[in-house]
C-alpha atoms as a PDB file:
ATOM      1  CA  MET A   1     111.486  77.940  71.798  1.00  0.00           C
ATOM      2  CA  SER A   2     110.494  75.221  74.288  1.00  0.00           C
ATOM      3  CA  LEU A   3     111.155  75.461  77.759  1.00  0.00           C
ATOM      4  CA  SER A   4     111.732  72.045  79.833  1.00  0.00           C
ATOM      5  CA  ARG A   5     110.692  71.113  83.476  1.00  0.00           C
ATOM      6  CA  THR A   6     114.160  72.053  84.828  1.00  0.00           C
ATOM      7  CA  ASP A   7     113.851  75.622  83.074  1.00  0.00           C
ATOM      8  CA  VAL A   8     110.458  76.057  84.836  1.00  0.00           C
ATOM      9  CA  GLU A   9     111.793  74.819  88.334  1.00  0.00           C
ATOM     10  CA  LYS A  10     114.788  77.506  87.843  1.00  0.00           C
ATOM     11  CA  ILE A  11     112.228  79.960  87.202  1.00  0.00           C
ATOM     12  CA  ALA A  12     109.999  79.394  89.894  1.00  0.00           C
ATOM     13  CA  HIS A  13     113.023  79.112  92.126  1.00  0.00           C
ATOM     14  CA  LEU A  14     114.330  82.474  91.274  1.00  0.00           C
ATOM     15  CA  ALA A  15     110.530  83.830  91.575  1.00  0.00           C
ATOM     16  CA  ARG A  16     110.440  82.529  94.930  1.00  0.00           C
ATOM     17  CA  LEU A  17     107.664  80.124  94.033  1.00  0.00           C
ATOM     18  CA  GLU A  18     106.842  76.844  95.145  1.00  0.00           C
ATOM     19  CA  ILE A  19     105.741  74.217  92.385  1.00  0.00           C
ATOM     20  CA  ASN A  20     105.545  70.731  92.162  1.00  0.00           C
ATOM     21  CA  GLU A  21     106.974  68.305  89.636  1.00  0.00           C
ATOM     22  CA  GLN A  22     103.556  67.865  88.059  1.00  0.00           C
ATOM     23  CA  GLU A  23     102.715  71.508  87.825  1.00  0.00           C
ATOM     24  CA  ALA A  24     106.188  72.418  86.538  1.00  0.00           C
ATOM     25  CA  GLN A  25     105.386  69.852  83.673  1.00  0.00           C
ATOM     26  CA  THR A  26     102.047  71.513  83.009  1.00  0.00           C
ATOM     27  CA  PHE A  27     104.088  75.241  83.111  1.00  0.00           C
ATOM     28  CA  ALA A  28     106.552  74.003  80.864  1.00  0.00           C
ATOM     29  CA  ASP A  29     104.088  73.197  78.055  1.00  0.00           C
ATOM     30  CA  SER A  30     102.003  75.955  78.595  1.00  0.00           C
ATOM     31  CA  LEU A  31     104.761  78.313  78.409  1.00  0.00           C
ATOM     32  CA  SER A  32     106.136  76.584  75.589  1.00  0.00           C
ATOM     33  CA  GLN A  33     102.706  77.147  73.448  1.00  0.00           C
ATOM     34  CA  ILE A  34     102.767  80.890  74.466  1.00  0.00           C
ATOM     35  CA  LEU A  35     106.710  81.140  73.200  1.00  0.00           C
ATOM     36  CA  SER A  36     106.008  79.262  70.269  1.00  0.00           C
ATOM     37  CA  LEU A  37     102.976  81.502  69.476  1.00  0.00           C
ATOM     38  CA  ILE A  38     105.318  84.421  69.924  1.00  0.00           C
ATOM     39  CA  GLU A  39     107.599  82.991  67.270  1.00  0.00           C
ATOM     40  CA  GLN A  40     104.750  82.784  64.889  1.00  0.00           C
ATOM     41  CA  MET A  41     103.757  86.562  65.210  1.00  0.00           C
ATOM     42  CA  ASN A  42     107.677  87.693  65.131  1.00  0.00           C
ATOM     43  CA  ALA A  43     108.210  85.604  61.707  1.00  0.00           C
ATOM     44  CA  VAL A  44     104.933  87.826  60.457  1.00  0.00           C
ATOM     45  CA  ASP A  45     106.316  90.637  58.020  1.00  0.00           C
ATOM     46  CA  THR A  46     105.049  94.035  58.881  1.00  0.00           C
ATOM     47  CA  THR A  47     107.174  96.256  57.038  1.00  0.00           C
ATOM     48  CA  GLY A  48     104.679  99.203  55.826  1.00  0.00           C
ATOM     49  CA  VAL A  49     102.409  98.507  58.243  1.00  0.00           C
ATOM     50  CA  THR A  50     101.706 101.558  60.448  1.00  0.00           C
ATOM     51  CA  PRO A  51     101.168 100.856  64.413  1.00  0.00           C
ATOM     52  CA  MET A  52      98.140 101.758  65.604  1.00  0.00           C
ATOM     53  CA  ALA A  53      97.235 103.285  69.115  1.00  0.00           C
ATOM     54  CA  HIS A  54      93.910 101.530  69.314  1.00  0.00           C
ATOM     55  CA  PRO A  55      92.352  99.051  67.153  1.00  0.00           C
ATOM     56  CA  ARG A  56      89.161 100.987  66.272  1.00  0.00           C
ATOM     57  CA  GLU A  57      90.547 104.541  65.365  1.00  0.00           C
ATOM     58  CA  ALA A  58      87.076 105.920  65.779  1.00  0.00           C
ATOM     59  CA  ALA A  59      86.335 109.150  67.758  1.00  0.00           C
ATOM     60  CA  LEU A  60      83.941 108.657  70.878  1.00  0.00           C
ATOM     61  CA  ARG A  61      80.704 110.322  71.021  1.00  0.00           C
ATOM     62  CA  LEU A  62      80.975 112.502  74.343  1.00  0.00           C
ATOM     63  CA  ARG A  63      78.007 113.181  76.441  1.00  0.00           C
ATOM     64  CA  GLU A  64      77.010 116.758  77.810  1.00  0.00           C
ATOM     65  CA  ASP A  65      78.559 117.292  80.683  1.00  0.00           C
ATOM     66  CA  LYS A  66      75.467 118.092  83.086  1.00  0.00           C
ATOM     67  CA  VAL A  67      73.600 117.129  86.703  1.00  0.00           C
ATOM     68  CA  THR A  68      71.460 114.306  86.313  1.00  0.00           C
ATOM     69  CA  GLU A  69      70.464 113.448  89.494  1.00  0.00           C
ATOM     70  CA  GLY A  70      69.453 115.932  92.624  1.00  0.00           C
ATOM     71  CA  ASP A  71      71.125 116.584  96.024  1.00  0.00           C
ATOM     72  CA  GLU A  72      69.501 114.298  98.345  1.00  0.00           C
ATOM     73  CA  ARG A  73      72.349 114.385 101.118  1.00  0.00           C
ATOM     74  CA  SER A  74      69.332 115.325 103.733  1.00  0.00           C
ATOM     75  CA  LYS A  75      67.282 112.261 102.940  1.00  0.00           C
ATOM     76  CA  PHE A  76      70.656 110.225 103.082  1.00  0.00           C
ATOM     77  CA  GLN A  77      71.794 111.440 106.484  1.00  0.00           C
ATOM     78  CA  GLN A  78      68.250 111.172 107.932  1.00  0.00           C
ATOM     79  CA  ILE A  79      68.283 107.150 107.246  1.00  0.00           C
ATOM     80  CA  ALA A  80      72.005 107.224 108.767  1.00  0.00           C
ATOM     81  CA  PRO A  81      73.105 105.730 111.975  1.00  0.00           C
ATOM     82  CA  ALA A  82      74.949 109.123 112.867  1.00  0.00           C
ATOM     83  CA  ALA A  83      75.089 112.229 111.329  1.00  0.00           C
ATOM     84  CA  GLU A  84      75.978 115.848 112.680  1.00  0.00           C
ATOM     85  CA  ALA A  85      76.320 119.009 110.983  1.00  0.00           C
ATOM     86  CA  GLY A  86      76.094 117.367 107.211  1.00  0.00           C
ATOM     87  CA  LEU A  87      78.621 115.036 108.091  1.00  0.00           C
ATOM     88  CA  TYR A  88      78.417 111.113 108.701  1.00  0.00           C
ATOM     89  CA  LEU A  89      80.020 109.954 112.264  1.00  0.00           C
ATOM     90  CA  VAL A  90      81.734 106.943 112.399  1.00  0.00           C
ATOM     91  CA  PRO A  91      83.039 104.950 114.964  1.00  0.00           C
ATOM     92  CA  LYS A  92      86.833 105.556 115.651  1.00  0.00           C
ATOM     93  CA  VAL A  93      89.069 102.758 114.426  1.00  0.00           C
ATOM     94  CA  ILE A  94      92.490 104.043 115.526  1.00  0.00           C
ATOM     95  CA  GLU A  95      93.299 104.621 119.388  1.00  0.00           C
END
């Protein structure tokens, strides 16, 4: 299936996109190539092929869930512009 420039212009109008004639021709060529590839893929006989959820049917290695960094909140609040009672103070942005 191939798309013409007028087909692309109609699609662009429906999508409320503004494209010029050169872009329309470029998009028509690109979309035609994509549709051609899809037609080739649909032509392949896939009977007997089980669908996969993921291309690698391998189990993932999981790491142990443990803390690797210590609590450094007081260190970071010392260098903050403003902090009080363990909280960072920020300027009011909404009136």
